[in-house]
C-alpha atoms as a PDB file:
ATOM      1  CA  LYS A   1      94.412 132.083 151.247  1.00  0.00           C
ATOM      2  CA  LYS A   2      92.337 134.883 152.989  1.00  0.00           C
ATOM      3  CA  LEU A   3      90.062 132.388 154.566  1.00  0.00           C
ATOM      4  CA  ILE A   4      92.907 130.244 155.773  1.00  0.00           C
ATOM      5  CA  ASN A   5      94.735 133.403 157.217  1.00  0.00           C
ATOM      6  CA  HIS A   6      91.352 134.311 158.891  1.00  0.00           C
ATOM      7  CA  LEU A   7      91.024 130.980 160.469  1.00  0.00           C
ATOM      8  CA  ILE A   8      94.545 131.127 161.732  1.00  0.00           C
ATOM      9  CA  LEU A   9      94.236 134.519 163.074  1.00  0.00           C
ATOM     10  CA  THR A  10      90.996 133.530 164.939  1.00  0.00           C
ATOM     11  CA  GLU A  11      92.583 130.329 166.194  1.00  0.00           C
ATOM     12  CA  LYS A  12      90.260 128.139 164.361  1.00  0.00           C
ATOM     13  CA  ILE A  13      92.853 126.053 163.091  1.00  0.00           C
ATOM     14  CA  ASP A  14      96.524 125.724 163.920  1.00  0.00           C
ATOM     15  CA  SER A  15      99.899 124.038 162.652  1.00  0.00           C
ATOM     16  CA  GLU A  16      98.263 120.489 163.463  1.00  0.00           C
ATOM     17  CA  THR A  17      95.229 121.045 161.248  1.00  0.00           C
ATOM     18  CA  ARG A  18      94.854 119.320 158.010  1.00  0.00           C
ATOM     19  CA  VAL A  19      93.268 121.521 155.344  1.00  0.00           C
ATOM     20  CA  VAL A  20      91.795 119.827 152.429  1.00  0.00           C
ATOM     21  CA  VAL A  21      90.950 121.907 149.267  1.00  0.00           C
ATOM     22  CA  GLU A  22      88.199 120.486 147.073  1.00  0.00           C
ATOM     23  CA  ILE A  23      88.208 121.887 143.674  1.00  0.00           C
ATOM     24  CA  ALA A  24      84.803 122.840 142.218  1.00  0.00           C
ATOM     25  CA  ARG A  25      83.545 120.758 139.326  1.00  0.00           C
ATOM     26  CA  GLU A  26      84.579 122.094 135.900  1.00  0.00           C
ATOM     27  CA  LEU A  27      81.493 124.041 134.549  1.00  0.00           C
ATOM     28  CA  ASN A  28      83.124 125.669 131.742  1.00  0.00           C
ATOM     29  CA  ASP A  29      80.518 125.598 129.079  1.00  0.00           C
ATOM     30  CA  ALA A  30      76.679 125.899 129.112  1.00  0.00           C
ATOM     31  CA  ASN A  31      76.141 122.292 128.143  1.00  0.00           C
ATOM     32  CA  ARG A  32      78.011 121.083 131.114  1.00  0.00           C
ATOM     33  CA  ARG A  33      76.351 123.597 133.475  1.00  0.00           C
ATOM     34  CA  ALA A  34      72.833 122.460 132.084  1.00  0.00           C
ATOM     35  CA  ALA A  35      73.815 118.857 132.766  1.00  0.00           C
ATOM     36  CA  TYR A  36      75.038 119.631 136.238  1.00  0.00           C
ATOM     37  CA  GLU A  37      71.779 121.676 137.084  1.00  0.00           C
ATOM     38  CA  ARG A  38      69.808 118.611 135.978  1.00  0.00           C
ATOM     39  CA  TRP A  39      72.090 116.287 138.269  1.00  0.00           C
ATOM     40  CA  LYS A  40      71.628 118.606 141.206  1.00  0.00           C
ATOM     41  CA  ASN A  41      67.974 119.094 140.920  1.00  0.00           C
ATOM     42  CA  GLU A  42      67.504 115.411 140.534  1.00  0.00           C
ATOM     43  CA  ARG A  43      69.517 114.795 143.610  1.00  0.00           C
ATOM     44  CA  GLN A  44      67.519 117.266 145.675  1.00  0.00           C
ATOM     45  CA  LYS A  45      64.140 115.845 144.485  1.00  0.00           C
ATOM     46  CA  GLU A  46      65.304 112.402 145.346  1.00  0.00           C
ATOM     47  CA  ASN A  47      66.516 113.453 148.945  1.00  0.00           C
ATOM     48  CA  GLU A  48      63.127 115.012 149.618  1.00  0.00           C
ATOM     49  CA  SER A  49      61.316 111.791 148.407  1.00  0.00           C
ATOM     50  CA  LEU A  50      63.554 109.746 150.609  1.00  0.00           C
ATOM     51  CA  VAL A  51      62.919 111.912 153.721  1.00  0.00           C
ATOM     52  CA  ASP A  52      59.337 111.240 153.474  1.00  0.00           C
ATOM     53  CA  LYS A  53      59.966 107.404 153.113  1.00  0.00           C
ATOM     54  CA  ILE A  54      62.240 107.355 155.912  1.00  0.00           C
ATOM     55  CA  THR A  55      59.741 109.242 158.227  1.00  0.00           C
ATOM     56  CA  GLN A  56      56.877 106.970 157.164  1.00  0.00           C
ATOM     57  CA  SER A  57      58.970 103.653 157.519  1.00  0.00           C
ATOM     58  CA  ALA A  58      60.427 104.732 160.854  1.00  0.00           C
ATOM     59  CA  SER A  59      57.060 105.248 162.415  1.00  0.00           C
ATOM     60  CA  GLU A  60      55.978 101.865 161.221  1.00  0.00           C
ATOM     61  CA  VAL A  61      58.905 100.276 163.126  1.00  0.00           C
ATOM     62  CA  GLY A  62      58.414 102.269 166.440  1.00  0.00           C
ATOM     63  CA  TYR A  63      60.364 105.423 165.674  1.00  0.00           C
ATOM     64  CA  PRO A  64      57.385 107.844 165.197  1.00  0.00           C
ATOM     65  CA  ASP A  65      59.274 111.168 166.296  1.00  0.00           C
ATOM     66  CA  ILE A  66      62.552 110.466 164.217  1.00  0.00           C
ATOM     67  CA  SER A  67      64.191 113.483 162.956  1.00  0.00           C
ATOM     68  CA  VAL A  68      65.676 112.737 159.538  1.00  0.00           C
ATOM     69  CA  ASP A  69      69.253 114.250 159.648  1.00  0.00           C
ATOM     70  CA  ASP A  70      72.041 113.950 156.992  1.00  0.00           C
ATOM     71  CA  ASN A  71      73.422 111.025 158.647  1.00  0.00           C
ATOM     72  CA  ILE A  72      70.187 108.997 158.559  1.00  0.00           C
ATOM     73  CA  LEU A  73      69.475 110.202 154.898  1.00  0.00           C
ATOM     74  CA  THR A  74      73.031 109.118 153.897  1.00  0.00           C
ATOM     75  CA  LYS A  75      72.491 105.623 155.522  1.00  0.00           C
ATOM     76  CA  TYR A  76      69.363 105.222 153.770  1.00  0.00           C
ATOM     77  CA  LYS A  77      70.655 106.097 150.447  1.00  0.00           C
ATOM     78  CA  LEU A  78      73.635 103.904 150.843  1.00  0.00           C
ATOM     79  CA  TRP A  79      71.163 100.973 152.032  1.00  0.00           C
ATOM     80  CA  LEU A  80      69.221 101.193 148.976  1.00  0.00           C
ATOM     81  CA  GLU A  81      72.111 101.404 146.726  1.00  0.00           C
ATOM     82  CA  GLN A  82      73.523  98.315 148.370  1.00  0.00           C
ATOM     83  CA  GLY A  83      70.574  96.216 148.101  1.00  0.00           C
ATOM     84  CA  MET A  84      69.847  96.498 151.915  1.00  0.00           C
ATOM     85  CA  GLN A  85      73.116  94.521 152.817  1.00  0.00           C
ATOM     86  CA  CYS A  86      76.455  95.052 153.990  1.00  0.00           C
ATOM     87  CA  LEU A  87      78.748  94.655 150.890  1.00  0.00           C
ATOM     88  CA  TYR A  88      81.764  93.547 153.164  1.00  0.00           C
ATOM     89  CA  THR A  89      79.879  90.686 154.901  1.00  0.00           C
ATOM     90  CA  GLY A  90      76.786  89.822 152.487  1.00  0.00           C
ATOM     91  CA  LYS A  91      74.514  90.262 155.697  1.00  0.00           C
ATOM     92  CA  VAL A  92      71.204  91.666 155.410  1.00  0.00           C
ATOM     93  CA  ILE A  93      70.697  95.163 157.142  1.00  0.00           C
ATOM     94  CA  ALA A  94      67.256  95.681 158.674  1.00  0.00           C
ATOM     95  CA  PHE A  95      65.683  99.070 158.205  1.00  0.00           C
ATOM     96  CA  SER A  96      65.597  99.448 161.948  1.00  0.00           C
ATOM     97  CA  GLU A  97      69.297  99.111 162.180  1.00  0.00           C
ATOM     98  CA  LEU A  98      69.815 102.474 160.280  1.00  0.00           C
ATOM     99  CA  LEU A  99      68.043 104.104 163.111  1.00  0.00           C
ATOM    100  CA  ASN A 100      69.462 102.506 166.357  1.00  0.00           C
ATOM    101  CA  GLY A 101      72.943 104.082 165.626  1.00  0.00           C
ATOM    102  CA  THR A 102      74.882 100.874 166.687  1.00  0.00           C
ATOM    103  CA  SER A 103      74.660  98.251 164.220  1.00  0.00           C
ATOM    104  CA  VAL A 104      75.982  99.848 161.179  1.00  0.00           C
ATOM    105  CA  ASP A 105      78.675 102.365 160.240  1.00  0.00           C
ATOM    106  CA  ILE A 106      79.079 104.870 157.356  1.00  0.00           C
ATOM    107  CA  GLU A 107      82.693 104.167 156.526  1.00  0.00           C
ATOM    108  CA  HIS A 108      85.115 105.508 153.691  1.00  0.00           C
ATOM    109  CA  THR A 109      85.707 102.858 151.283  1.00  0.00           C
ATOM    110  CA  ILE A 110      89.099 104.328 150.474  1.00  0.00           C
ATOM    111  CA  PRO A 111      90.166 105.520 153.888  1.00  0.00           C
ATOM    112  CA  ALA A 112      89.905 109.371 154.341  1.00  0.00           C
ATOM    113  CA  SER A 113      93.503 109.420 155.567  1.00  0.00           C
ATOM    114  CA  ILE A 114      94.540 108.228 151.958  1.00  0.00           C
ATOM    115  CA  SER A 115      91.764 109.642 149.790  1.00  0.00           C
ATOM    116  CA  PHE A 116      90.547 112.926 151.638  1.00  0.00           C
ATOM    117  CA  ASP A 117      87.298 112.054 150.137  1.00  0.00           C
ATOM    118  CA  ASN A 118      84.066 112.434 151.936  1.00  0.00           C
ATOM    119  CA  GLU A 119      81.810 112.328 148.801  1.00  0.00           C
ATOM    120  CA  LEU A 120      78.898 109.701 148.944  1.00  0.00           C
ATOM    121  CA  SER A 121      80.761 107.890 146.189  1.00  0.00           C
ATOM    122  CA  ASN A 122      83.458 106.967 148.575  1.00  0.00           C
ATOM    123  CA  LEU A 123      81.146 105.864 151.434  1.00  0.00           C
ATOM    124  CA  THR A 124      79.879 102.331 152.236  1.00  0.00           C
ATOM    125  CA  LEU A 125      77.119 101.257 154.833  1.00  0.00           C
ATOM    126  CA  ALA A 126      79.032  98.447 156.736  1.00  0.00           C
ATOM    127  CA  ASN A 127      78.354  96.035 159.504  1.00  0.00           C
ATOM    128  CA  SER A 128      79.861  98.001 162.724  1.00  0.00           C
ATOM    129  CA  ARG A 129      81.773  94.981 163.996  1.00  0.00           C
ATOM    130  CA  TYR A 130      83.273  94.077 160.723  1.00  0.00           C
ATOM    131  CA  ASN A 131      84.158  97.768 160.174  1.00  0.00           C
ATOM    132  CA  ARG A 132      85.800  98.394 163.355  1.00  0.00           C
ATOM    133  CA  ASP A 133      87.551  95.081 163.782  1.00  0.00           C
ATOM    134  CA  ILE A 134      88.469  94.054 160.299  1.00  0.00           C
ATOM    135  CA  LYS A 135      88.184  96.812 157.784  1.00  0.00           C
ATOM    136  CA  LYS A 136      89.664  99.609 159.824  1.00  0.00           C
ATOM    137  CA  LYS A 137      91.769 101.621 157.520  1.00  0.00           C
ATOM    138  CA  LEU A 138      92.405  98.945 154.907  1.00  0.00           C
ATOM    139  CA  ILE A 139      91.114  99.248 151.249  1.00  0.00           C
ATOM    140  CA  PRO A 140      88.643  96.599 149.979  1.00  0.00           C
ATOM    141  CA  THR A 141      91.176  94.603 148.042  1.00  0.00           C
ATOM    142  CA  GLN A 142      93.278  94.238 151.354  1.00  0.00           C
ATOM    143  CA  LEU A 143      90.583  92.482 153.210  1.00  0.00           C
ATOM    144  CA  PRO A 144      90.662  88.721 153.984  1.00  0.00           C
ATOM    145  CA  ASN A 145      87.391  88.046 152.289  1.00  0.00           C
ATOM    146  CA  TYR A 146      87.819  90.130 149.239  1.00  0.00           C
ATOM    147  CA  ASN A 147      88.054  87.145 146.940  1.00  0.00           C
ATOM    148  CA  THR A 148      86.793  84.152 148.884  1.00  0.00           C
ATOM    149  CA  THR A 149      84.246  83.397 151.616  1.00  0.00           C
ATOM    150  CA  ILE A 150      86.503  82.878 155.041  1.00  0.00           C
ATOM    151  CA  GLU A 151      85.645  82.209 158.742  1.00  0.00           C
ATOM    152  CA  ILE A 152      87.048  84.609 161.337  1.00  0.00           C
ATOM    153  CA  ASN A 153      86.678  83.885 164.967  1.00  0.00           C
ATOM    154  CA  GLY A 154      83.986  81.385 164.288  1.00  0.00           C
ATOM    155  CA  GLU A 155      82.061  83.640 162.161  1.00  0.00           C
ATOM    156  CA  SER A 156      81.566  83.236 158.273  1.00  0.00           C
ATOM    157  CA  TYR A 157      82.147  86.164 156.061  1.00  0.00           C
ATOM    158  CA  LYS A 158      81.062  85.982 152.308  1.00  0.00           C
ATOM    159  CA  ALA A 159      83.406  87.053 149.586  1.00  0.00           C
ATOM    160  CA  ILE A 160      83.233  90.769 148.824  1.00  0.00           C
ATOM    161  CA  LEU A 161      83.465  90.588 145.057  1.00  0.00           C
ATOM    162  CA  PRO A 162      80.206  88.976 144.056  1.00  0.00           C
ATOM    163  CA  ASN A 163      78.379  91.576 146.599  1.00  0.00           C
ATOM    164  CA  ILE A 164      79.960  94.482 144.378  1.00  0.00           C
ATOM    165  CA  LYS A 165      79.254  93.038 141.024  1.00  0.00           C
ATOM    166  CA  PHE A 166      76.245  95.299 140.464  1.00  0.00           C
ATOM    167  CA  ILE A 167      78.715  98.456 140.575  1.00  0.00           C
ATOM    168  CA  GLU A 168      80.729  96.775 137.844  1.00  0.00           C
ATOM    169  CA  ASN A 169      77.297  96.487 135.928  1.00  0.00           C
ATOM    170  CA  LYS A 170      76.590 100.128 136.570  1.00  0.00           C
ATOM    171  CA  VAL A 171      79.933 101.309 135.536  1.00  0.00           C
ATOM    172  CA  LYS A 172      79.535  99.282 132.144  1.00  0.00           C
ATOM    173  CA  HIS A 173      75.929 100.696 131.776  1.00  0.00           C
ATOM    174  CA  TYR A 174      76.768 104.506 131.991  1.00  0.00           C
ATOM    175  CA  SER A 175      80.007 103.844 130.048  1.00  0.00           C
ATOM    176  CA  LYS A 176      77.847 102.643 127.189  1.00  0.00           C
ATOM    177  CA  LEU A 177      75.368 105.717 127.553  1.00  0.00           C
ATOM    178  CA  VAL A 178      78.192 108.136 127.588  1.00  0.00           C
ATOM    179  CA  GLU A 179      79.610 106.405 124.233  1.00  0.00           C
ATOM    180  CA  ASP A 180      76.339 106.402 122.758  1.00  0.00           C
ATOM    181  CA  GLU A 181      75.533 110.096 123.342  1.00  0.00           C
ATOM    182  CA  LYS A 182      79.008 110.970 122.036  1.00  0.00           C
ATOM    183  CA  LYS A 183      78.378 109.273 118.692  1.00  0.00           C
ATOM    184  CA  LYS A 184      74.795 110.928 118.508  1.00  0.00           C
ATOM    185  CA  SER A 185      76.294 114.335 119.024  1.00  0.00           C
ATOM    186  CA  LYS A 186      78.701 113.811 116.071  1.00  0.00           C
ATOM    187  CA  SER A 187      75.823 112.939 113.704  1.00  0.00           C
ATOM    188  CA  ALA A 188      73.272 115.691 115.085  1.00  0.00           C
ATOM    189  CA  GLN A 189      71.425 117.469 112.469  1.00  0.00           C
ATOM    190  CA  SER A 190      70.955 120.749 114.319  1.00  0.00           C
ATOM    191  CA  LYS A 191      72.636 122.811 117.154  1.00  0.00           C
ATOM    192  CA  ASP A 192      69.924 122.119 119.641  1.00  0.00           C
ATOM    193  CA  GLN A 193      69.997 118.462 118.907  1.00  0.00           C
ATOM    194  CA  LYS A 194      73.833 118.496 119.247  1.00  0.00           C
ATOM    195  CA  ASP A 195      73.593 120.344 122.563  1.00  0.00           C
ATOM    196  CA  THR A 196      70.945 117.764 123.872  1.00  0.00           C
ATOM    197  CA  GLN A 197      73.293 115.065 123.232  1.00  0.00           C
ATOM    198  CA  ILE A 198      76.295 116.739 124.614  1.00  0.00           C
ATOM    199  CA  GLN A 199      74.201 117.549 127.888  1.00  0.00           C
ATOM    200  CA  ASN A 200      73.130 113.928 128.124  1.00  0.00           C
ATOM    201  CA  ARG A 201      76.774 112.900 127.805  1.00  0.00           C
ATOM    202  CA  HIS A 202      78.009 114.993 130.588  1.00  0.00           C
ATOM    203  CA  TYR A 203      74.967 113.903 132.737  1.00  0.00           C
ATOM    204  CA  TYR A 204      75.679 110.081 132.154  1.00  0.00           C
ATOM    205  CA  LYS A 205      79.383 110.839 132.905  1.00  0.00           C
ATOM    206  CA  MET A 206      78.324 112.074 136.187  1.00  0.00           C
ATOM    207  CA  HIS A 207      76.616 108.861 136.968  1.00  0.00           C
ATOM    208  CA  TYR A 208      79.811 106.897 135.502  1.00  0.00           C
ATOM    209  CA  ASP A 209      82.085 108.807 137.843  1.00  0.00           C
ATOM    210  CA  TYR A 210      79.866 108.245 140.814  1.00  0.00           C
ATOM    211  CA  TRP A 211      79.710 104.497 140.368  1.00  0.00           C
END
Protein backbone atom coordinates (compact mmCIF):
# COMPACT_ATOMS: atom_id res chain seq x y z
CA LYS A 1 0.00 0.00 0.00
CA LYS A 2 2.89 2.33 0.76
CA LEU A 3 4.28 1.85 -2.74
CA ILE A 4 0.91 2.45 -4.41
CA ASN A 5 0.33 5.59 -2.33
CA HIS A 6 3.79 6.86 -3.23
CA LEU A 7 3.13 6.29 -6.95
CA ILE A 8 -0.14 8.18 -6.67
CA LEU A 9 1.42 11.10 -4.79
CA THR A 10 4.26 11.38 -7.31
CA GLU A 11 1.71 11.18 -10.15
CA LYS A 12 3.28 8.06 -11.64
CA ILE A 13 -0.15 6.41 -11.72
CA ASP A 14 -3.74 7.65 -11.64
CA SER A 15 -7.30 6.32 -11.51
CA GLU A 16 -6.93 4.92 -15.04
CA THR A 17 -3.84 2.84 -14.19
CA ARG A 18 -4.24 -0.91 -13.91
CA VAL A 19 -2.15 -2.29 -11.06
CA VAL A 20 -1.34 -6.00 -11.07
CA VAL A 21 0.03 -7.56 -7.89
CA GLU A 22 1.99 -10.76 -8.43
CA ILE A 23 2.24 -12.98 -5.38
CA ALA A 24 5.73 -14.36 -4.74
CA ARG A 25 6.29 -18.09 -5.16
CA GLU A 26 5.57 -19.91 -1.90
CA LEU A 27 8.91 -20.73 -0.29
CA ASN A 28 7.81 -21.86 3.15
CA ASP A 29 10.31 -24.64 3.71
CA ALA A 30 13.97 -25.40 3.14
CA ASN A 31 13.36 -28.07 0.49
CA ARG A 32 11.14 -25.80 -1.57
CA ARG A 33 13.73 -23.01 -1.32
CA ALA A 34 16.51 -25.38 -2.37
CA ALA A 35 14.48 -26.49 -5.40
CA TYR A 36 13.76 -22.89 -6.34
CA GLU A 37 17.45 -21.93 -6.06
CA ARG A 38 18.33 -24.86 -8.32
CA TRP A 39 15.72 -23.74 -10.85
CA LYS A 40 16.82 -20.10 -10.70
CA ASN A 41 20.53 -20.92 -11.05
CA GLU A 42 19.88 -23.18 -14.02
CA ARG A 43 17.83 -20.48 -15.76
CA GLN A 44 20.61 -17.94 -15.17
CA LYS A 45 23.28 -20.26 -16.62
CA GLU A 46 20.97 -21.08 -19.53
CA ASN A 47 20.49 -17.38 -20.30
CA GLU A 48 24.23 -16.74 -20.25
CA SER A 49 24.82 -19.64 -22.63
CA LEU A 50 22.03 -18.50 -24.97
CA VAL A 51 23.38 -14.96 -25.15
CA ASP A 52 26.70 -16.36 -26.39
CA LYS A 53 24.93 -18.53 -28.98
CA ILE A 54 22.78 -15.64 -30.20
CA THR A 55 25.80 -13.35 -30.54
CA GLN A 56 27.73 -15.94 -32.54
CA SER A 57 24.78 -16.86 -34.80
CA ALA A 58 23.88 -13.20 -35.34
CA SER A 59 27.36 -12.47 -36.58
CA GLU A 60 27.10 -15.35 -39.05
CA VAL A 61 23.88 -13.97 -40.59
CA GLY A 62 25.04 -10.38 -40.93
CA TYR A 63 24.33 -8.83 -37.53
CA PRO A 64 27.88 -8.61 -36.05
CA ASP A 65 27.10 -5.74 -33.68
CA ILE A 66 23.86 -7.08 -32.24
CA SER A 67 23.11 -6.18 -28.62
CA VAL A 68 21.24 -9.09 -27.04
CA ASP A 69 18.48 -7.51 -24.97
CA ASP A 70 15.66 -9.22 -23.06
CA ASN A 71 13.37 -9.07 -26.09
CA ILE A 72 15.79 -10.95 -28.36
CA LEU A 73 16.66 -13.42 -25.60
CA THR A 74 12.98 -14.18 -25.04
CA LYS A 75 12.39 -14.63 -28.77
CA TYR A 76 15.34 -17.02 -29.00
CA LYS A 77 14.20 -19.10 -26.03
CA LEU A 78 10.68 -19.41 -27.40
CA TRP A 79 12.08 -20.16 -30.87
CA LEU A 80 14.05 -23.11 -29.50
CA GLU A 81 11.15 -24.35 -27.40
CA GLN A 82 8.77 -24.23 -30.37
CA GLY A 83 11.08 -26.18 -32.66
CA MET A 84 11.86 -23.05 -34.69
CA GLN A 85 8.31 -22.73 -35.99
CA CYS A 86 5.21 -20.64 -35.40
CA LEU A 87 2.79 -22.80 -33.42
CA TYR A 88 -0.21 -21.02 -34.93
CA THR A 89 0.72 -21.45 -38.58
CA GLY A 90 3.25 -24.27 -38.64
CA LYS A 91 5.56 -22.02 -40.66
CA VAL A 92 9.32 -22.33 -40.11
CA ILE A 93 10.90 -19.25 -38.49
CA ALA A 94 14.42 -18.42 -39.68
CA PHE A 95 16.92 -17.24 -37.08
CA SER A 96 17.34 -13.93 -38.93
CA GLU A 97 13.62 -13.24 -38.43
CA LEU A 98 14.23 -13.00 -34.68
CA LEU A 99 16.55 -10.07 -35.28
CA ASN A 100 14.80 -7.98 -37.94
CA GLY A 101 11.92 -7.09 -35.61
CA THR A 102 9.13 -7.29 -38.22
CA SER A 103 8.45 -10.93 -39.06
CA VAL A 104 7.58 -12.40 -35.66
CA ASP A 105 5.85 -11.17 -32.52
CA ILE A 106 6.04 -12.21 -28.90
CA GLU A 107 2.38 -12.56 -28.04
CA HIS A 108 0.38 -13.55 -24.96
CA THR A 109 -1.07 -17.03 -25.45
CA ILE A 110 -3.87 -16.15 -23.03
CA PRO A 111 -4.35 -12.40 -23.67
CA ALA A 112 -2.85 -10.16 -20.98
CA SER A 113 -6.22 -8.41 -20.65
CA ILE A 114 -7.62 -11.73 -19.38
CA SER A 115 -4.68 -13.37 -17.62
CA PHE A 116 -2.51 -10.40 -16.51
CA ASP A 117 0.29 -12.94 -17.06
CA ASN A 118 3.59 -11.75 -18.56
CA GLU A 119 5.55 -14.86 -17.59
CA LEU A 120 7.47 -16.76 -20.27
CA SER A 121 5.03 -19.66 -19.84
CA ASN A 122 2.25 -17.45 -21.26
CA LEU A 123 4.24 -16.16 -24.23
CA THR A 124 4.36 -17.53 -27.77
CA LEU A 125 6.54 -16.58 -30.73
CA ALA A 126 4.10 -16.03 -33.57
CA ASN A 127 4.06 -15.02 -37.21
CA SER A 128 3.39 -11.26 -37.06
CA ARG A 129 0.70 -11.19 -39.73
CA TYR A 130 -1.19 -14.09 -38.18
CA ASN A 131 -0.91 -12.60 -34.71
CA ARG A 132 -2.13 -9.16 -35.73
CA ASP A 133 -4.82 -10.17 -38.25
CA ILE A 134 -6.16 -13.44 -36.81
CA LYS A 135 -4.98 -14.19 -33.27
CA LYS A 136 -5.49 -10.70 -31.87
CA LYS A 137 -7.03 -11.08 -28.39
CA LEU A 138 -8.40 -14.58 -28.88
CA ILE A 139 -7.30 -17.64 -26.94
CA PRO A 140 -5.90 -20.52 -29.02
CA THR A 141 -9.02 -22.70 -28.82
CA GLN A 142 -11.03 -19.87 -30.42
CA LEU A 143 -8.81 -19.70 -33.49
CA PRO A 144 -10.24 -20.94 -36.82
CA ASN A 145 -7.38 -23.39 -37.44
CA TYR A 146 -7.19 -24.79 -33.92
CA ASN A 147 -8.48 -28.24 -34.91
CA THR A 148 -8.05 -28.33 -38.66
CA THR A 149 -5.98 -26.85 -41.46
CA ILE A 150 -7.84 -24.01 -43.18
CA GLU A 151 -7.35 -21.44 -45.89
CA ILE A 152 -7.77 -17.73 -45.12
CA ASN A 153 -7.50 -15.14 -47.89
CA GLY A 154 -5.81 -17.65 -50.15
CA GLU A 155 -3.20 -18.70 -47.56
CA SER A 156 -3.16 -22.11 -45.90
CA TYR A 157 -2.75 -22.35 -42.12
CA LYS A 158 -1.98 -25.72 -40.56
CA ALA A 159 -3.99 -27.00 -37.61
CA ILE A 160 -2.60 -25.81 -34.28
CA LEU A 161 -3.24 -28.98 -32.23
CA PRO A 162 -0.54 -31.13 -33.90
CA ASN A 163 1.96 -28.27 -33.47
CA ILE A 164 1.49 -28.24 -29.69
CA LYS A 165 1.57 -31.99 -29.13
CA PHE A 166 5.09 -31.63 -27.74
CA ILE A 167 3.72 -29.47 -24.90
CA GLU A 168 1.27 -32.20 -23.92
CA ASN A 169 4.17 -34.67 -23.92
CA LYS A 170 6.23 -32.37 -21.70
CA VAL A 171 3.34 -32.09 -19.22
CA LYS A 172 2.97 -35.88 -19.08
CA HIS A 173 6.73 -36.31 -18.68
CA TYR A 174 7.07 -33.94 -15.73
CA SER A 175 3.85 -35.16 -14.15
CA LYS A 176 5.35 -38.65 -14.06
CA LEU A 177 8.62 -37.37 -12.58
CA VAL A 178 6.71 -35.53 -9.84
CA GLU A 179 4.77 -38.68 -8.93
CA ASP A 180 7.93 -40.82 -9.04
CA GLU A 181 9.73 -38.49 -6.63
CA LYS A 182 6.69 -38.43 -4.35
CA LYS A 183 6.76 -42.23 -4.12
CA LYS A 184 10.52 -42.27 -3.54
CA SER A 185 10.25 -39.75 -0.70
CA LYS A 186 7.74 -41.98 1.10
CA SER A 187 10.11 -44.95 1.00
CA ALA A 188 13.32 -42.99 1.73
CA GLN A 189 15.60 -44.62 4.29
CA SER A 190 17.13 -41.43 5.70
CA LYS A 191 16.26 -37.78 6.21
CA ASP A 192 18.86 -36.66 3.65
CA GLN A 193 17.47 -39.04 1.08
CA LYS A 194 13.90 -37.92 1.83
CA ASP A 195 14.91 -34.25 1.54
CA THR A 196 16.56 -34.92 -1.83
CA GLN A 197 13.41 -36.57 -3.20
CA ILE A 198 11.21 -33.75 -1.89
CA GLN A 199 13.51 -31.14 -3.48
CA ASN A 200 13.38 -33.06 -6.77
CA ARG A 201 9.58 -33.17 -6.57
CA HIS A 202 9.39 -29.40 -6.11
CA TYR A 203 11.91 -28.90 -8.91
CA TYR A 204 10.02 -31.08 -11.40
CA LYS A 205 6.75 -29.44 -10.36
CA MET A 206 8.22 -26.10 -11.48
CA HIS A 207 8.88 -27.62 -14.91
CA TYR A 208 5.38 -29.11 -14.92
CA ASP A 209 3.79 -25.76 -14.02
CA TYR A 210 5.79 -24.02 -16.74
CA TRP A 211 4.68 -26.36 -19.51
